[in-house]
N, C-alpha and C. Protein backbone atom coordinates (compact mmCIF):
# COMPACT_ATOMS: atom_id res chain seq x y z
N MET A 1 -49.71 33.24 -52.30
CA MET A 1 -48.36 32.86 -52.08
C MET A 1 -48.27 31.79 -51.00
N PHE A 2 -48.97 31.96 -49.93
CA PHE A 2 -48.97 30.96 -48.87
C PHE A 2 -49.55 29.65 -49.36
N GLN A 3 -50.57 29.74 -50.14
CA GLN A 3 -51.20 28.54 -50.67
C GLN A 3 -50.25 27.82 -51.64
N ALA A 4 -49.40 28.54 -52.30
CA ALA A 4 -48.48 27.93 -53.25
C ALA A 4 -47.42 27.10 -52.50
N ARG A 5 -47.08 27.52 -51.30
CA ARG A 5 -46.07 26.78 -50.52
C ARG A 5 -46.63 25.49 -49.95
N ILE A 6 -47.85 25.45 -49.58
CA ILE A 6 -48.43 24.25 -48.96
C ILE A 6 -48.37 23.05 -49.88
N PRO A 7 -48.76 23.14 -51.15
CA PRO A 7 -48.66 21.97 -52.00
C PRO A 7 -47.21 21.48 -52.15
N SER A 8 -46.25 22.39 -52.23
CA SER A 8 -44.87 21.93 -52.40
C SER A 8 -44.39 21.24 -51.12
N LEU A 9 -44.81 21.71 -49.99
CA LEU A 9 -44.47 21.07 -48.72
C LEU A 9 -45.14 19.71 -48.63
N ALA A 10 -46.40 19.65 -49.03
CA ALA A 10 -47.13 18.39 -49.00
C ALA A 10 -46.50 17.38 -49.95
N ALA A 11 -45.95 17.86 -51.04
CA ALA A 11 -45.34 16.96 -52.00
C ALA A 11 -44.04 16.37 -51.45
N ARG A 12 -43.32 17.16 -50.65
CA ARG A 12 -42.05 16.68 -50.10
C ARG A 12 -42.23 15.90 -48.80
N LEU A 13 -43.35 16.00 -48.14
CA LEU A 13 -43.57 15.38 -46.84
C LEU A 13 -43.37 13.87 -46.86
N PRO A 14 -43.87 13.13 -47.83
CA PRO A 14 -43.63 11.69 -47.81
C PRO A 14 -42.16 11.32 -47.89
N SER A 15 -41.36 12.04 -48.64
CA SER A 15 -39.93 11.69 -48.73
C SER A 15 -39.22 12.00 -47.41
N VAL A 16 -39.62 13.10 -46.75
CA VAL A 16 -39.03 13.44 -45.46
C VAL A 16 -39.40 12.39 -44.43
N LEU A 17 -40.65 11.97 -44.42
CA LEU A 17 -41.10 10.95 -43.46
C LEU A 17 -40.41 9.61 -43.70
N SER A 18 -40.24 9.25 -44.96
CA SER A 18 -39.60 7.96 -45.23
C SER A 18 -38.14 7.99 -44.80
N ARG A 19 -37.45 9.13 -44.94
CA ARG A 19 -36.06 9.24 -44.48
C ARG A 19 -35.98 9.11 -42.97
N SER A 20 -36.88 9.73 -42.25
CA SER A 20 -36.83 9.67 -40.79
C SER A 20 -37.12 8.27 -40.29
N THR A 21 -37.99 7.53 -40.95
CA THR A 21 -38.24 6.16 -40.51
C THR A 21 -37.06 5.27 -40.85
N GLN A 22 -36.36 5.57 -41.95
CA GLN A 22 -35.17 4.80 -42.30
C GLN A 22 -34.08 5.03 -41.26
N LEU A 23 -33.90 6.27 -40.84
CA LEU A 23 -32.89 6.58 -39.84
C LEU A 23 -33.22 5.91 -38.52
N SER A 24 -34.48 5.99 -38.11
CA SER A 24 -34.83 5.42 -36.82
C SER A 24 -34.71 3.91 -36.84
N SER A 25 -35.01 3.26 -37.97
CA SER A 25 -34.86 1.81 -38.02
C SER A 25 -33.39 1.42 -38.01
N ARG A 26 -32.50 2.25 -38.56
CA ARG A 26 -31.08 1.97 -38.51
C ARG A 26 -30.54 2.09 -37.10
N THR A 27 -30.94 3.14 -36.41
CA THR A 27 -30.43 3.32 -35.06
C THR A 27 -30.97 2.26 -34.12
N LEU A 28 -32.15 1.78 -34.38
CA LEU A 28 -32.67 0.70 -33.55
C LEU A 28 -31.94 -0.60 -33.85
N ALA A 29 -31.61 -0.81 -35.09
CA ALA A 29 -30.94 -2.05 -35.47
C ALA A 29 -29.48 -2.06 -35.01
N ARG A 30 -28.81 -0.95 -35.14
CA ARG A 30 -27.40 -0.86 -34.76
C ARG A 30 -27.17 0.35 -33.87
N PRO A 31 -27.31 0.23 -32.60
CA PRO A 31 -27.06 1.39 -31.75
C PRO A 31 -25.56 1.71 -31.74
N HIS A 32 -25.26 2.99 -31.81
CA HIS A 32 -23.86 3.41 -31.85
C HIS A 32 -23.23 3.42 -30.47
N CYS A 33 -23.99 3.70 -29.47
CA CYS A 33 -23.45 3.67 -28.13
C CYS A 33 -24.35 2.79 -27.27
N PHE A 34 -23.74 1.96 -26.50
CA PHE A 34 -24.51 1.08 -25.64
C PHE A 34 -23.74 0.88 -24.35
N ARG A 35 -24.44 0.47 -23.32
CA ARG A 35 -23.82 0.24 -22.03
C ARG A 35 -23.88 -1.25 -21.73
N THR A 36 -22.81 -1.72 -21.19
CA THR A 36 -22.83 -3.10 -20.73
C THR A 36 -23.16 -3.08 -19.24
N ILE A 37 -23.88 -4.03 -18.83
CA ILE A 37 -24.25 -4.12 -17.43
C ILE A 37 -23.34 -5.16 -16.79
N SER A 38 -22.73 -4.75 -15.71
CA SER A 38 -21.80 -5.63 -15.03
C SER A 38 -22.12 -5.65 -13.55
N THR A 39 -22.03 -6.79 -12.98
CA THR A 39 -22.22 -6.88 -11.53
C THR A 39 -20.98 -7.50 -10.93
N THR A 40 -20.59 -7.00 -9.79
CA THR A 40 -19.45 -7.55 -9.08
C THR A 40 -19.90 -7.94 -7.68
N ARG A 41 -19.21 -8.91 -7.16
CA ARG A 41 -19.54 -9.37 -5.83
C ARG A 41 -19.11 -8.30 -4.83
N PRO A 42 -19.97 -7.92 -3.91
CA PRO A 42 -19.57 -6.89 -2.94
C PRO A 42 -18.49 -7.42 -2.00
N THR A 43 -17.53 -6.56 -1.71
CA THR A 43 -16.47 -6.95 -0.78
C THR A 43 -16.81 -6.39 0.59
N ARG A 44 -16.50 -7.15 1.56
CA ARG A 44 -16.78 -6.75 2.93
C ARG A 44 -15.45 -6.66 3.68
N ALA A 45 -15.42 -5.81 4.65
CA ALA A 45 -14.21 -5.65 5.43
C ALA A 45 -13.99 -6.90 6.28
N SER A 46 -12.74 -7.25 6.41
CA SER A 46 -12.39 -8.38 7.25
C SER A 46 -11.06 -8.08 7.92
N GLU A 47 -10.78 -8.83 8.94
CA GLU A 47 -9.52 -8.62 9.64
C GLU A 47 -8.37 -9.14 8.79
N ALA A 48 -7.25 -8.51 8.95
CA ALA A 48 -6.06 -8.97 8.25
C ALA A 48 -5.65 -10.32 8.82
N PRO A 49 -5.14 -11.19 7.99
CA PRO A 49 -4.73 -12.49 8.52
C PRO A 49 -3.57 -12.33 9.50
N LYS A 50 -3.63 -13.07 10.56
CA LYS A 50 -2.58 -13.00 11.56
C LYS A 50 -1.33 -13.71 11.04
N PRO A 51 -0.17 -13.10 11.23
CA PRO A 51 1.04 -13.74 10.74
C PRO A 51 1.33 -15.02 11.51
N GLN A 52 1.88 -15.98 10.82
CA GLN A 52 2.23 -17.23 11.48
C GLN A 52 3.48 -17.01 12.31
N VAL A 53 3.42 -17.44 13.55
CA VAL A 53 4.52 -17.23 14.47
C VAL A 53 5.30 -18.54 14.59
N ASP A 54 6.58 -18.44 14.35
CA ASP A 54 7.45 -19.60 14.50
C ASP A 54 7.94 -19.63 15.95
N GLU A 55 7.43 -20.59 16.70
CA GLU A 55 7.76 -20.68 18.13
C GLU A 55 9.25 -20.92 18.35
N ALA A 56 9.88 -21.70 17.50
CA ALA A 56 11.31 -21.98 17.65
C ALA A 56 12.13 -20.70 17.45
N LEU A 57 11.70 -19.87 16.51
CA LEU A 57 12.41 -18.61 16.27
C LEU A 57 12.27 -17.68 17.47
N ILE A 58 11.07 -17.61 18.02
CA ILE A 58 10.85 -16.74 19.18
C ILE A 58 11.68 -17.22 20.36
N LYS A 59 11.71 -18.52 20.58
CA LYS A 59 12.51 -19.08 21.68
C LYS A 59 13.99 -18.78 21.47
N ALA A 60 14.46 -18.94 20.23
CA ALA A 60 15.87 -18.66 19.93
C ALA A 60 16.18 -17.18 20.12
N LEU A 61 15.24 -16.32 19.75
CA LEU A 61 15.44 -14.88 19.92
C LEU A 61 15.50 -14.51 21.40
N GLN A 62 14.66 -15.12 22.20
CA GLN A 62 14.62 -14.82 23.63
C GLN A 62 15.88 -15.29 24.35
N GLU A 63 16.61 -16.21 23.76
CA GLU A 63 17.84 -16.70 24.37
C GLU A 63 19.06 -15.88 23.99
N THR A 64 18.90 -14.93 23.10
CA THR A 64 20.05 -14.12 22.69
C THR A 64 20.41 -13.12 23.78
N GLU A 65 21.67 -12.75 23.79
CA GLU A 65 22.15 -11.77 24.77
C GLU A 65 21.53 -10.40 24.52
N ALA A 66 21.34 -10.06 23.25
CA ALA A 66 20.76 -8.75 22.90
C ALA A 66 19.33 -8.64 23.45
N TYR A 67 18.55 -9.69 23.31
CA TYR A 67 17.16 -9.67 23.80
C TYR A 67 17.13 -9.52 25.32
N LYS A 68 18.02 -10.25 26.00
CA LYS A 68 18.05 -10.18 27.47
C LYS A 68 18.39 -8.77 27.95
N LYS A 69 19.33 -8.13 27.27
CA LYS A 69 19.72 -6.77 27.68
C LYS A 69 18.62 -5.77 27.34
N LEU A 70 18.00 -5.92 26.16
CA LEU A 70 16.94 -4.99 25.76
C LEU A 70 15.71 -5.13 26.64
N SER A 71 15.39 -6.34 27.05
CA SER A 71 14.18 -6.54 27.86
C SER A 71 14.31 -5.91 29.24
N LYS A 72 15.54 -5.68 29.68
CA LYS A 72 15.76 -5.05 30.98
C LYS A 72 15.69 -3.52 30.90
N SER A 73 15.82 -2.95 29.72
CA SER A 73 15.86 -1.50 29.55
C SER A 73 14.57 -0.99 28.91
N GLN A 74 13.72 -0.38 29.72
CA GLN A 74 12.46 0.15 29.21
C GLN A 74 12.69 1.35 28.29
N SER A 75 13.71 2.15 28.55
CA SER A 75 13.98 3.31 27.70
C SER A 75 14.44 2.87 26.30
N ALA A 76 15.17 1.76 26.21
CA ALA A 76 15.59 1.25 24.90
C ALA A 76 14.38 0.76 24.11
N ILE A 77 13.45 0.12 24.79
CA ILE A 77 12.23 -0.36 24.12
C ILE A 77 11.40 0.82 23.62
N GLU A 78 11.30 1.87 24.41
CA GLU A 78 10.57 3.08 23.99
C GLU A 78 11.26 3.75 22.79
N ALA A 79 12.59 3.72 22.79
CA ALA A 79 13.33 4.31 21.66
C ALA A 79 13.07 3.51 20.38
N ILE A 80 12.98 2.19 20.50
CA ILE A 80 12.69 1.35 19.34
C ILE A 80 11.28 1.65 18.83
N LYS A 81 10.33 1.78 19.75
CA LYS A 81 8.94 2.10 19.35
C LYS A 81 8.87 3.44 18.63
N LYS A 82 9.59 4.43 19.16
CA LYS A 82 9.60 5.75 18.52
C LYS A 82 10.22 5.67 17.13
N PHE A 83 11.31 4.92 17.02
CA PHE A 83 11.98 4.74 15.73
C PHE A 83 11.04 4.07 14.72
N MET A 84 10.31 3.05 15.15
CA MET A 84 9.36 2.36 14.27
C MET A 84 8.24 3.30 13.84
N ASN A 85 7.76 4.14 14.75
CA ASN A 85 6.70 5.11 14.39
C ASN A 85 7.19 6.10 13.34
N VAL A 86 8.43 6.56 13.48
CA VAL A 86 9.00 7.49 12.50
C VAL A 86 9.11 6.80 11.14
N LEU A 87 9.52 5.53 11.14
CA LEU A 87 9.61 4.79 9.88
C LEU A 87 8.23 4.68 9.22
N GLN A 88 7.22 4.35 10.01
CA GLN A 88 5.87 4.20 9.46
C GLN A 88 5.33 5.53 8.95
N LYS A 89 5.61 6.61 9.67
CA LYS A 89 5.17 7.94 9.20
C LYS A 89 5.85 8.33 7.90
N SER A 90 7.05 7.82 7.71
CA SER A 90 7.80 8.15 6.50
C SER A 90 7.41 7.26 5.32
N GLY A 91 6.52 6.32 5.53
CA GLY A 91 6.04 5.50 4.43
C GLY A 91 6.73 4.16 4.26
N VAL A 92 7.54 3.75 5.23
CA VAL A 92 8.23 2.47 5.17
C VAL A 92 7.31 1.41 5.76
N ASP A 93 7.12 0.31 5.04
CA ASP A 93 6.28 -0.78 5.52
C ASP A 93 7.10 -1.63 6.47
N THR A 94 6.79 -1.54 7.77
CA THR A 94 7.56 -2.26 8.78
C THR A 94 6.98 -3.63 9.09
N THR A 95 5.83 -3.95 8.53
CA THR A 95 5.18 -5.22 8.86
C THR A 95 5.48 -6.33 7.86
N SER A 96 5.90 -5.99 6.65
CA SER A 96 6.08 -7.01 5.62
C SER A 96 7.42 -7.72 5.70
N GLY A 97 8.40 -7.12 6.34
CA GLY A 97 9.72 -7.73 6.40
C GLY A 97 10.60 -7.34 5.22
N LYS A 98 10.05 -6.56 4.28
CA LYS A 98 10.83 -6.12 3.13
C LYS A 98 11.69 -4.93 3.52
N ARG A 99 12.85 -4.87 2.93
CA ARG A 99 13.73 -3.74 3.18
C ARG A 99 13.24 -2.53 2.39
N PRO A 100 13.49 -1.34 2.92
CA PRO A 100 13.08 -0.14 2.16
C PRO A 100 13.91 0.02 0.90
N SER A 101 13.33 0.66 -0.10
CA SER A 101 14.04 0.88 -1.36
C SER A 101 15.12 1.94 -1.16
N MET A 102 15.99 2.05 -2.14
CA MET A 102 17.05 3.06 -2.05
C MET A 102 16.48 4.47 -2.00
N LEU A 103 15.39 4.69 -2.74
CA LEU A 103 14.75 6.00 -2.71
C LEU A 103 14.20 6.31 -1.32
N GLN A 104 13.55 5.33 -0.70
CA GLN A 104 13.02 5.54 0.65
C GLN A 104 14.15 5.79 1.64
N MET A 105 15.25 5.05 1.49
CA MET A 105 16.37 5.24 2.41
C MET A 105 17.00 6.62 2.25
N SER A 106 17.09 7.10 1.02
CA SER A 106 17.66 8.43 0.83
C SER A 106 16.73 9.51 1.39
N LYS A 107 15.42 9.30 1.25
CA LYS A 107 14.48 10.25 1.85
C LYS A 107 14.56 10.22 3.37
N LEU A 108 14.76 9.03 3.93
CA LEU A 108 14.89 8.92 5.38
C LEU A 108 16.12 9.67 5.89
N MET A 109 17.20 9.55 5.15
CA MET A 109 18.43 10.22 5.60
C MET A 109 18.29 11.74 5.58
N LEU A 110 17.40 12.25 4.76
CA LEU A 110 17.17 13.69 4.72
C LEU A 110 16.17 14.14 5.78
N ASN A 111 15.49 13.19 6.42
CA ASN A 111 14.46 13.49 7.41
C ASN A 111 15.13 13.67 8.78
N SER A 112 15.02 14.86 9.35
CA SER A 112 15.67 15.14 10.64
C SER A 112 15.04 14.35 11.77
N GLU A 113 13.75 14.09 11.70
CA GLU A 113 13.08 13.31 12.74
C GLU A 113 13.62 11.87 12.76
N PHE A 114 13.86 11.31 11.59
CA PHE A 114 14.44 9.97 11.49
C PHE A 114 15.85 9.95 12.07
N ARG A 115 16.66 10.95 11.74
CA ARG A 115 18.04 11.00 12.24
C ARG A 115 18.04 11.11 13.76
N ASP A 116 17.16 11.94 14.32
CA ASP A 116 17.10 12.09 15.78
C ASP A 116 16.65 10.79 16.45
N ALA A 117 15.66 10.13 15.87
CA ALA A 117 15.16 8.88 16.46
C ALA A 117 16.22 7.79 16.40
N SER A 118 16.97 7.73 15.30
CA SER A 118 18.01 6.70 15.20
C SER A 118 19.17 6.98 16.16
N LYS A 119 19.55 8.24 16.32
CA LYS A 119 20.60 8.59 17.29
C LYS A 119 20.17 8.24 18.70
N ASN A 120 18.90 8.57 19.01
CA ASN A 120 18.36 8.27 20.34
C ASN A 120 18.34 6.76 20.59
N MET A 121 17.96 5.99 19.59
CA MET A 121 17.90 4.54 19.74
C MET A 121 19.29 3.97 19.97
N ILE A 122 20.28 4.44 19.25
CA ILE A 122 21.65 3.95 19.42
C ILE A 122 22.18 4.31 20.81
N GLU A 123 21.88 5.52 21.28
CA GLU A 123 22.29 5.92 22.62
C GLU A 123 21.67 5.02 23.68
N GLU A 124 20.37 4.71 23.51
CA GLU A 124 19.69 3.85 24.48
C GLU A 124 20.23 2.43 24.43
N PHE A 125 20.60 1.96 23.24
CA PHE A 125 21.23 0.64 23.13
C PHE A 125 22.54 0.61 23.92
N GLN A 126 23.32 1.67 23.76
CA GLN A 126 24.61 1.72 24.46
C GLN A 126 24.41 1.81 25.96
N LYS A 127 23.39 2.54 26.42
CA LYS A 127 23.08 2.59 27.85
C LYS A 127 22.66 1.23 28.38
N ALA A 128 21.99 0.44 27.55
CA ALA A 128 21.54 -0.89 27.95
C ALA A 128 22.66 -1.92 27.88
N GLY A 129 23.82 -1.52 27.37
CA GLY A 129 24.95 -2.43 27.30
C GLY A 129 25.10 -3.13 25.96
N LEU A 130 24.41 -2.63 24.95
CA LEU A 130 24.50 -3.21 23.61
C LEU A 130 25.34 -2.31 22.72
N ASP A 131 26.22 -2.94 21.97
CA ASP A 131 26.99 -2.19 20.99
C ASP A 131 26.48 -2.59 19.61
N PRO A 132 25.81 -1.67 18.89
CA PRO A 132 25.25 -2.01 17.58
C PRO A 132 26.30 -2.40 16.55
N THR A 133 27.57 -2.10 16.80
CA THR A 133 28.63 -2.45 15.85
C THR A 133 29.36 -3.73 16.26
N ASP A 134 28.93 -4.37 17.34
CA ASP A 134 29.58 -5.60 17.82
C ASP A 134 29.37 -6.73 16.82
N LYS A 135 30.47 -7.29 16.34
CA LYS A 135 30.43 -8.33 15.30
C LYS A 135 29.69 -9.58 15.79
N ALA A 136 29.88 -9.96 17.04
CA ALA A 136 29.24 -11.18 17.57
C ALA A 136 27.72 -11.02 17.61
N MET A 137 27.25 -9.85 18.02
CA MET A 137 25.81 -9.61 18.09
C MET A 137 25.20 -9.58 16.68
N ILE A 138 25.88 -8.95 15.75
CA ILE A 138 25.39 -8.87 14.37
C ILE A 138 25.30 -10.28 13.78
N ASP A 139 26.32 -11.11 14.02
CA ASP A 139 26.30 -12.49 13.50
C ASP A 139 25.16 -13.30 14.12
N GLU A 140 24.95 -13.11 15.42
CA GLU A 140 23.88 -13.83 16.11
C GLU A 140 22.50 -13.47 15.54
N LEU A 141 22.28 -12.18 15.33
CA LEU A 141 20.99 -11.74 14.79
C LEU A 141 20.84 -12.12 13.32
N THR A 142 21.94 -12.11 12.58
CA THR A 142 21.90 -12.51 11.17
C THR A 142 21.53 -13.99 11.05
N ASN A 143 22.09 -14.82 11.92
CA ASN A 143 21.74 -16.25 11.91
C ASN A 143 20.26 -16.45 12.24
N LEU A 144 19.74 -15.65 13.15
CA LEU A 144 18.31 -15.74 13.48
C LEU A 144 17.45 -15.33 12.28
N MET A 145 17.91 -14.31 11.57
CA MET A 145 17.15 -13.88 10.40
C MET A 145 17.15 -14.97 9.33
N LYS A 146 18.24 -15.66 9.17
CA LYS A 146 18.30 -16.77 8.22
C LYS A 146 17.39 -17.90 8.65
N MET A 147 17.34 -18.13 9.96
CA MET A 147 16.47 -19.17 10.48
C MET A 147 15.00 -18.84 10.25
N GLY A 148 14.66 -17.55 10.38
CA GLY A 148 13.30 -17.09 10.16
C GLY A 148 12.99 -16.83 8.70
N LYS A 149 13.98 -16.97 7.83
CA LYS A 149 13.82 -16.75 6.37
C LYS A 149 13.32 -15.34 6.06
N PHE A 150 13.94 -14.35 6.65
CA PHE A 150 13.57 -12.96 6.37
C PHE A 150 14.24 -12.51 5.11
């Protein structure tokens, strides 16, 4: 019985071998999955570009009444710094000059730390002799913003 199986296996062996060589030659000719090799230039850390400072704008700002009053009050300057830190912690980009989105503003209004910092800043402005609702001061700062193209 065992001997009877060997000849039948031997008879089929060439067809099995020819199929396997056909398959291997197909896969070599047309690989189904392949990897592309890509190289990219390595990036290195560098300093952020320094913003261009408009000397005329700075001089005009220093001549404003608001700047003169704020520069005399150290507590008002500290309140502004605290307010800016709260804005940055809340995700507002304070360096680009862009206004926050409506979504960011609504989130800020719900933030108690932001409300406290803004109240404190307004109180310090009033102690320094500045009225944030004064029409003349708002117009003066608005004209400076137009000059600086903010």
